[in-house]
Structure formats: structure tokens, C-alpha cells
């Protein structure tokens, strides 16, 4: 259990800092909500010209989700590339399987038209 002590200390320190920031912002932050200008929506410092209930298309969220999936793919490729020689043929075959699953997913998304913006 002593081997995990530094990890527990790190978690405790992170929790203390998070609680301290939250309490500090709550009790020490400004409380002046009387001005109506502070409660109005704005875009880059100027008044908003669009509707407040503007709903984004699902395509934006789908594209963001696909970006995250393929970004995580790149995160898994980097350590594999670093340890490529020590992993041998088994490591190569496992990475090819991983890439095959991702390529099948990309082809599926492409065939469904999720990457088309104009439609």
C-alpha cells in the first residue's frame, strides 16, 4: 500500500486545490449583479445579432465526435511507434487490427454521409 501513497497524496492535493478555488470564487468573487448590461448576451464584446435559441446542426456535434475518435487514434499510435521494435510482429499485427477497425468505422461514416456539409 505504501507504493500508492504518492498517488493518494496527489489526488488529495488536487481535491484540496479544486475546493479552495471553488470556495474562493464563491465567497471572494464580485457580487454586483445589479447592472442590466452584465446579464445581456454578447458576441466578442458587442451586442448579439442572432437569436438566443439558435440551435446548432447535429453535424457539428458529429464532426466533433469523429475528431475526438480519430484524435485518440493518433494518441495510441505514438507510444506504439516509440516501442515498435520491442513489440515485434505481435505488436505490428495488433496495431494493424486496431487500424482496420478504425478504417472500417471511417468508411461506414463516409458511406452514411456524415462527412458531407452541404446536405
N, C-alpha and C. Protein backbone atom coordinates (compact mmCIF):
# COMPACT_ATOMS: atom_id res chain seq x y z
N UNK A 1 0.82 -1.19 0.00
CA UNK A 1 0.00 0.00 0.00
C UNK A 1 0.87 1.26 0.00
N UNK A 2 2.08 1.14 0.52
CA UNK A 2 2.97 2.30 0.59
C UNK A 2 3.37 2.77 -0.80
N UNK A 3 3.33 1.88 -1.80
CA UNK A 3 3.70 2.27 -3.16
C UNK A 3 2.68 3.22 -3.76
N UNK A 4 1.44 3.17 -3.28
CA UNK A 4 0.39 4.04 -3.81
C UNK A 4 0.27 5.36 -3.05
N UNK A 5 1.06 5.57 -2.04
CA UNK A 5 0.99 6.79 -1.23
C UNK A 5 1.18 8.07 -2.06
N UNK A 6 2.17 8.14 -2.95
CA UNK A 6 2.31 9.37 -3.75
C UNK A 6 1.08 9.66 -4.61
N UNK A 7 0.45 8.62 -5.13
CA UNK A 7 -0.75 8.83 -5.94
C UNK A 7 -1.89 9.39 -5.08
N UNK A 8 -2.07 8.83 -3.87
CA UNK A 8 -3.12 9.32 -2.99
C UNK A 8 -2.85 10.75 -2.54
N UNK A 9 -1.60 11.08 -2.30
CA UNK A 9 -1.24 12.45 -1.93
C UNK A 9 -1.54 13.40 -3.08
N UNK A 10 -1.24 12.99 -4.30
CA UNK A 10 -1.53 13.83 -5.47
C UNK A 10 -3.03 14.05 -5.61
N UNK A 11 -3.83 13.00 -5.47
CA UNK A 11 -5.29 13.14 -5.56
C UNK A 11 -5.82 14.04 -4.45
N UNK A 12 -5.32 13.89 -3.24
CA UNK A 12 -5.76 14.73 -2.13
C UNK A 12 -5.39 16.19 -2.37
N UNK A 13 -4.19 16.42 -2.86
CA UNK A 13 -3.76 17.80 -3.15
C UNK A 13 -4.60 18.42 -4.26
N UNK A 14 -4.91 17.64 -5.29
CA UNK A 14 -5.76 18.15 -6.37
C UNK A 14 -7.16 18.47 -5.86
N UNK A 15 -7.71 17.63 -4.99
CA UNK A 15 -9.03 17.89 -4.42
C UNK A 15 -9.03 19.14 -3.55
N UNK A 16 -7.99 19.32 -2.74
CA UNK A 16 -7.90 20.50 -1.89
C UNK A 16 -7.80 21.77 -2.73
N UNK A 17 -7.01 21.74 -3.78
CA UNK A 17 -6.88 22.91 -4.65
C UNK A 17 -8.20 23.22 -5.35
N UNK A 18 -8.90 22.19 -5.85
CA UNK A 18 -10.18 22.41 -6.53
C UNK A 18 -11.20 23.00 -5.57
N UNK A 19 -11.29 22.48 -4.36
CA UNK A 19 -12.24 23.01 -3.37
C UNK A 19 -11.85 24.43 -2.98
N UNK A 20 -10.57 24.70 -2.83
CA UNK A 20 -10.12 26.05 -2.47
C UNK A 20 -10.48 27.05 -3.56
N UNK A 21 -10.29 26.69 -4.82
CA UNK A 21 -10.66 27.59 -5.92
C UNK A 21 -12.16 27.83 -5.95
N UNK A 22 -12.94 26.78 -5.75
CA UNK A 22 -14.39 26.92 -5.77
C UNK A 22 -14.87 27.80 -4.63
N UNK A 23 -14.38 27.56 -3.42
CA UNK A 23 -14.78 28.37 -2.26
C UNK A 23 -14.30 29.80 -2.43
N UNK A 24 -13.08 29.98 -2.91
CA UNK A 24 -12.57 31.32 -3.13
C UNK A 24 -13.38 32.11 -4.14
N UNK A 25 -13.77 31.48 -5.24
CA UNK A 25 -14.56 32.16 -6.25
C UNK A 25 -15.96 32.46 -5.74
N UNK A 26 -16.51 31.57 -4.94
CA UNK A 26 -17.86 31.76 -4.43
C UNK A 26 -17.93 32.89 -3.41
N UNK A 27 -17.01 32.90 -2.47
CA UNK A 27 -17.10 33.86 -1.37
C UNK A 27 -16.28 35.13 -1.59
N UNK A 28 -15.25 35.08 -2.40
CA UNK A 28 -14.41 36.25 -2.61
C UNK A 28 -14.68 36.96 -3.93
N UNK A 29 -15.44 36.33 -4.82
CA UNK A 29 -15.71 36.91 -6.13
C UNK A 29 -16.68 38.07 -6.06
N UNK A 30 -16.77 38.87 -7.14
CA UNK A 30 -17.68 40.01 -7.15
C UNK A 30 -19.14 39.55 -7.12
N UNK A 31 -19.98 40.35 -6.45
CA UNK A 31 -21.39 40.00 -6.32
C UNK A 31 -22.30 41.01 -6.99
N UNK A 32 -21.79 41.98 -7.70
CA UNK A 32 -22.60 43.05 -8.29
C UNK A 32 -23.35 42.54 -9.51
N UNK A 33 -24.61 42.19 -9.35
CA UNK A 33 -25.46 41.73 -10.45
C UNK A 33 -26.53 42.75 -10.78
N UNK A 34 -26.43 43.96 -10.26
CA UNK A 34 -27.47 44.96 -10.42
C UNK A 34 -27.53 45.60 -11.80
N UNK A 35 -26.45 45.61 -12.54
CA UNK A 35 -26.44 46.26 -13.84
C UNK A 35 -27.04 45.33 -14.89
N UNK A 36 -27.99 45.83 -15.66
CA UNK A 36 -28.66 45.02 -16.68
C UNK A 36 -27.71 44.65 -17.82
N UNK A 37 -26.69 45.46 -18.05
CA UNK A 37 -25.75 45.19 -19.14
C UNK A 37 -24.97 43.90 -18.91
N UNK A 38 -24.76 43.54 -17.68
CA UNK A 38 -23.98 42.33 -17.38
C UNK A 38 -24.76 41.06 -17.69
N UNK A 39 -26.07 41.13 -17.74
CA UNK A 39 -26.89 39.95 -17.96
C UNK A 39 -27.29 39.75 -19.42
N UNK A 40 -26.88 40.65 -20.32
CA UNK A 40 -27.21 40.52 -21.73
C UNK A 40 -26.19 39.64 -22.45
N UNK A 41 -26.66 38.83 -23.41
CA UNK A 41 -25.70 38.03 -24.19
C UNK A 41 -24.91 38.93 -25.14
N UNK A 42 -23.67 38.58 -25.39
CA UNK A 42 -22.85 39.35 -26.31
C UNK A 42 -21.93 38.43 -27.08
N UNK A 43 -21.48 38.92 -28.22
CA UNK A 43 -20.55 38.19 -29.07
C UNK A 43 -19.31 39.05 -29.25
N UNK A 44 -18.23 38.64 -28.70
CA UNK A 44 -16.94 39.32 -28.85
C UNK A 44 -17.02 40.78 -28.42
N UNK A 45 -17.73 41.06 -27.35
CA UNK A 45 -17.80 42.40 -26.82
C UNK A 45 -18.87 43.28 -27.40
N UNK A 46 -19.60 42.82 -28.41
CA UNK A 46 -20.68 43.62 -28.98
C UNK A 46 -22.00 42.89 -28.78
N UNK A 47 -23.09 43.60 -29.01
CA UNK A 47 -24.41 43.00 -28.81
C UNK A 47 -24.63 41.87 -29.80
N UNK A 48 -25.39 40.88 -29.35
CA UNK A 48 -25.68 39.72 -30.18
C UNK A 48 -26.66 40.09 -31.28
N UNK A 49 -26.38 39.61 -32.49
CA UNK A 49 -27.28 39.89 -33.61
C UNK A 49 -28.17 38.71 -33.95
N UNK A 50 -27.86 37.54 -33.41
CA UNK A 50 -28.64 36.34 -33.70
C UNK A 50 -29.66 36.05 -32.63
N UNK A 51 -30.46 35.03 -32.89
CA UNK A 51 -31.45 34.63 -31.92
C UNK A 51 -30.82 33.91 -30.73
N UNK A 52 -31.47 34.01 -29.61
CA UNK A 52 -30.93 33.38 -28.40
C UNK A 52 -31.16 31.87 -28.39
N UNK A 53 -32.18 31.42 -29.09
CA UNK A 53 -32.48 29.99 -29.12
C UNK A 53 -31.97 29.34 -30.40
N UNK A 54 -30.86 29.82 -30.92
CA UNK A 54 -30.28 29.27 -32.12
C UNK A 54 -29.74 27.87 -31.82
N UNK A 55 -30.20 26.89 -32.58
CA UNK A 55 -29.78 25.51 -32.37
C UNK A 55 -28.80 25.11 -33.47
N UNK A 56 -27.70 24.53 -33.04
CA UNK A 56 -26.71 24.07 -34.00
C UNK A 56 -27.15 22.76 -34.63
N UNK A 57 -26.70 22.53 -35.82
CA UNK A 57 -27.00 21.28 -36.51
C UNK A 57 -26.28 20.12 -35.82
N UNK A 58 -26.85 18.95 -35.94
CA UNK A 58 -26.24 17.76 -35.36
C UNK A 58 -24.90 17.46 -36.03
N UNK A 59 -24.73 17.92 -37.25
CA UNK A 59 -23.47 17.68 -37.98
C UNK A 59 -22.27 18.26 -37.24
N UNK A 60 -22.46 19.39 -36.55
CA UNK A 60 -21.35 19.97 -35.80
C UNK A 60 -20.90 19.03 -34.69
N UNK A 61 -21.87 18.48 -33.97
CA UNK A 61 -21.54 17.57 -32.88
C UNK A 61 -20.96 16.26 -33.41
N UNK A 62 -21.50 15.77 -34.51
CA UNK A 62 -20.99 14.53 -35.10
C UNK A 62 -19.55 14.71 -35.58
N UNK A 63 -19.27 15.84 -36.18
CA UNK A 63 -17.91 16.11 -36.63
C UNK A 63 -16.96 16.21 -35.44
N UNK A 64 -17.40 16.85 -34.37
CA UNK A 64 -16.56 16.95 -33.18
C UNK A 64 -16.30 15.58 -32.58
N UNK A 65 -17.32 14.74 -32.56
CA UNK A 65 -17.16 13.39 -32.03
C UNK A 65 -16.19 12.57 -32.89
N UNK A 66 -16.32 12.69 -34.20
CA UNK A 66 -15.39 11.98 -35.09
C UNK A 66 -13.97 12.48 -34.92
N UNK A 67 -13.82 13.78 -34.73
CA UNK A 67 -12.49 14.33 -34.50
C UNK A 67 -11.88 13.74 -33.24
N UNK A 68 -12.67 13.65 -32.18
CA UNK A 68 -12.15 13.09 -30.92
C UNK A 68 -11.74 11.64 -31.11
N UNK A 69 -12.56 10.86 -31.83
CA UNK A 69 -12.24 9.44 -32.04
C UNK A 69 -10.92 9.30 -32.79
N UNK A 70 -10.74 10.05 -33.86
CA UNK A 70 -9.52 9.90 -34.64
C UNK A 70 -8.33 10.60 -33.99
N UNK A 71 -8.59 11.54 -33.10
CA UNK A 71 -7.51 12.13 -32.33
C UNK A 71 -6.99 11.13 -31.31
N UNK A 72 -7.89 10.38 -30.70
CA UNK A 72 -7.47 9.34 -29.77
C UNK A 72 -6.69 8.26 -30.50
N UNK A 73 -7.06 8.00 -31.74
CA UNK A 73 -6.29 7.05 -32.54
C UNK A 73 -4.83 7.50 -32.63
N UNK A 74 -4.63 8.77 -32.90
CA UNK A 74 -3.26 9.29 -33.00
C UNK A 74 -2.53 9.18 -31.67
N UNK A 75 -3.26 9.34 -30.57
CA UNK A 75 -2.64 9.22 -29.25
C UNK A 75 -2.17 7.79 -29.02
N UNK A 76 -2.91 6.80 -29.52
CA UNK A 76 -2.49 5.41 -29.36
C UNK A 76 -1.38 5.03 -30.33
N UNK A 77 -1.28 5.71 -31.45
CA UNK A 77 -0.23 5.39 -32.42
C UNK A 77 1.15 5.85 -31.94
N UNK A 78 1.22 6.93 -31.20
CA UNK A 78 2.51 7.47 -30.79
C UNK A 78 3.29 6.51 -29.89
N UNK A 79 2.71 6.02 -28.78
CA UNK A 79 3.51 5.09 -27.96
C UNK A 79 3.84 3.79 -28.68
N UNK A 80 2.95 3.37 -29.57
CA UNK A 80 3.24 2.16 -30.34
C UNK A 80 4.45 2.40 -31.23
N UNK A 81 4.52 3.58 -31.84
CA UNK A 81 5.67 3.90 -32.69
C UNK A 81 6.97 3.99 -31.91
N UNK A 82 6.88 4.44 -30.67
CA UNK A 82 8.08 4.55 -29.84
C UNK A 82 8.60 3.16 -29.48
N UNK A 83 7.72 2.23 -29.19
CA UNK A 83 8.10 0.88 -28.76
C UNK A 83 8.00 -0.15 -29.89
N UNK A 84 7.99 0.30 -31.12
CA UNK A 84 7.74 -0.58 -32.26
C UNK A 84 8.70 -1.76 -32.30
N UNK A 85 9.99 -1.51 -32.16
CA UNK A 85 10.98 -2.59 -32.30
C UNK A 85 10.87 -3.63 -31.18
N UNK A 86 10.55 -3.19 -29.98
CA UNK A 86 10.48 -4.15 -28.87
C UNK A 86 9.17 -4.96 -28.88
N UNK A 87 8.15 -4.49 -29.57
CA UNK A 87 6.88 -5.21 -29.62
C UNK A 87 6.91 -6.37 -30.60
N UNK A 88 7.71 -6.27 -31.61
CA UNK A 88 7.85 -7.35 -32.59
C UNK A 88 6.64 -7.49 -33.50
N UNK A 89 6.52 -8.70 -34.05
CA UNK A 89 5.46 -8.95 -35.02
C UNK A 89 4.07 -8.92 -34.39
N UNK A 90 3.98 -9.37 -33.15
CA UNK A 90 2.69 -9.37 -32.47
C UNK A 90 2.16 -7.95 -32.30
N UNK A 91 3.05 -7.03 -31.95
CA UNK A 91 2.66 -5.63 -31.82
C UNK A 91 2.22 -5.04 -33.14
N UNK A 92 2.89 -5.42 -34.22
CA UNK A 92 2.50 -4.94 -35.55
C UNK A 92 1.12 -5.47 -35.94
N UNK A 93 0.88 -6.75 -35.70
CA UNK A 93 -0.41 -7.34 -36.05
C UNK A 93 -1.54 -6.72 -35.22
N UNK A 94 -1.30 -6.48 -33.94
CA UNK A 94 -2.32 -5.87 -33.09
C UNK A 94 -2.62 -4.45 -33.54
N UNK A 95 -1.60 -3.69 -33.93
CA UNK A 95 -1.84 -2.32 -34.39
C UNK A 95 -2.56 -2.31 -35.72
N UNK A 96 -2.24 -3.26 -36.60
CA UNK A 96 -2.96 -3.35 -37.87
C UNK A 96 -4.43 -3.69 -37.64
N UNK A 97 -4.72 -4.53 -36.66
CA UNK A 97 -6.11 -4.81 -36.30
C UNK A 97 -6.82 -3.58 -35.77
N UNK A 98 -6.14 -2.82 -34.93
CA UNK A 98 -6.69 -1.57 -34.40
C UNK A 98 -6.99 -0.59 -35.53
N UNK A 99 -6.04 -0.43 -36.44
CA UNK A 99 -6.24 0.47 -37.56
C UNK A 99 -7.34 -0.03 -38.50
N UNK A 100 -7.47 -1.34 -38.66
CA UNK A 100 -8.53 -1.89 -39.51
C UNK A 100 -9.91 -1.56 -38.94
N UNK A 101 -10.07 -1.67 -37.63
CA UNK A 101 -11.35 -1.32 -37.00
C UNK A 101 -11.65 0.16 -37.22
N UNK A 102 -10.66 1.02 -37.07
CA UNK A 102 -10.88 2.45 -37.28
C UNK A 102 -11.18 2.78 -38.74
N UNK A 103 -10.53 2.10 -39.66
CA UNK A 103 -10.78 2.34 -41.08
C UNK A 103 -12.19 1.88 -41.45
N UNK A 104 -12.62 0.74 -40.90
CA UNK A 104 -13.99 0.29 -41.15
C UNK A 104 -14.99 1.32 -40.62
N UNK A 105 -14.71 1.87 -39.44
CA UNK A 105 -15.58 2.92 -38.89
C UNK A 105 -15.60 4.17 -39.76
N UNK A 106 -14.44 4.56 -40.28
CA UNK A 106 -14.38 5.73 -41.14
C UNK A 106 -15.13 5.50 -42.44
N UNK A 107 -14.98 4.33 -43.02
CA UNK A 107 -15.71 4.02 -44.26
C UNK A 107 -17.22 4.03 -44.00
N UNK A 108 -17.65 3.48 -42.88
CA UNK A 108 -19.07 3.47 -42.53
C UNK A 108 -19.61 4.88 -42.40
N UNK A 109 -18.87 5.74 -41.69
CA UNK A 109 -19.30 7.13 -41.52
C UNK A 109 -19.33 7.85 -42.86
N UNK A 110 -18.36 7.58 -43.70
CA UNK A 110 -18.29 8.20 -45.02
C UNK A 110 -19.47 7.77 -45.88
N UNK A 111 -19.79 6.46 -45.88
CA UNK A 111 -20.91 5.95 -46.68
C UNK A 111 -22.25 6.49 -46.17
N UNK A 112 -22.38 6.73 -44.88
CA UNK A 112 -23.61 7.28 -44.31
C UNK A 112 -23.78 8.76 -44.63
N UNK A 113 -22.72 9.41 -45.10
CA UNK A 113 -22.79 10.82 -45.46
C UNK A 113 -22.58 11.76 -44.30
N UNK A 114 -21.98 11.28 -43.22
CA UNK A 114 -21.77 12.12 -42.04
C UNK A 114 -20.71 13.19 -42.28
N UNK A 115 -19.89 13.01 -43.29
CA UNK A 115 -18.83 13.99 -43.56
C UNK A 115 -19.23 15.02 -44.61
N UNK A 116 -20.46 14.95 -45.10
CA UNK A 116 -20.96 15.90 -46.10
C UNK A 116 -21.56 17.11 -45.40
N UNK A 117 -21.09 18.31 -45.72
CA UNK A 117 -21.60 19.52 -45.10
C UNK A 117 -22.77 20.13 -45.87
N UNK A 118 -22.81 19.94 -47.16
CA UNK A 118 -23.80 20.63 -47.96
C UNK A 118 -25.21 20.04 -47.82
N UNK A 119 -25.33 18.79 -47.44
CA UNK A 119 -26.66 18.17 -47.38
C UNK A 119 -27.33 18.43 -46.06
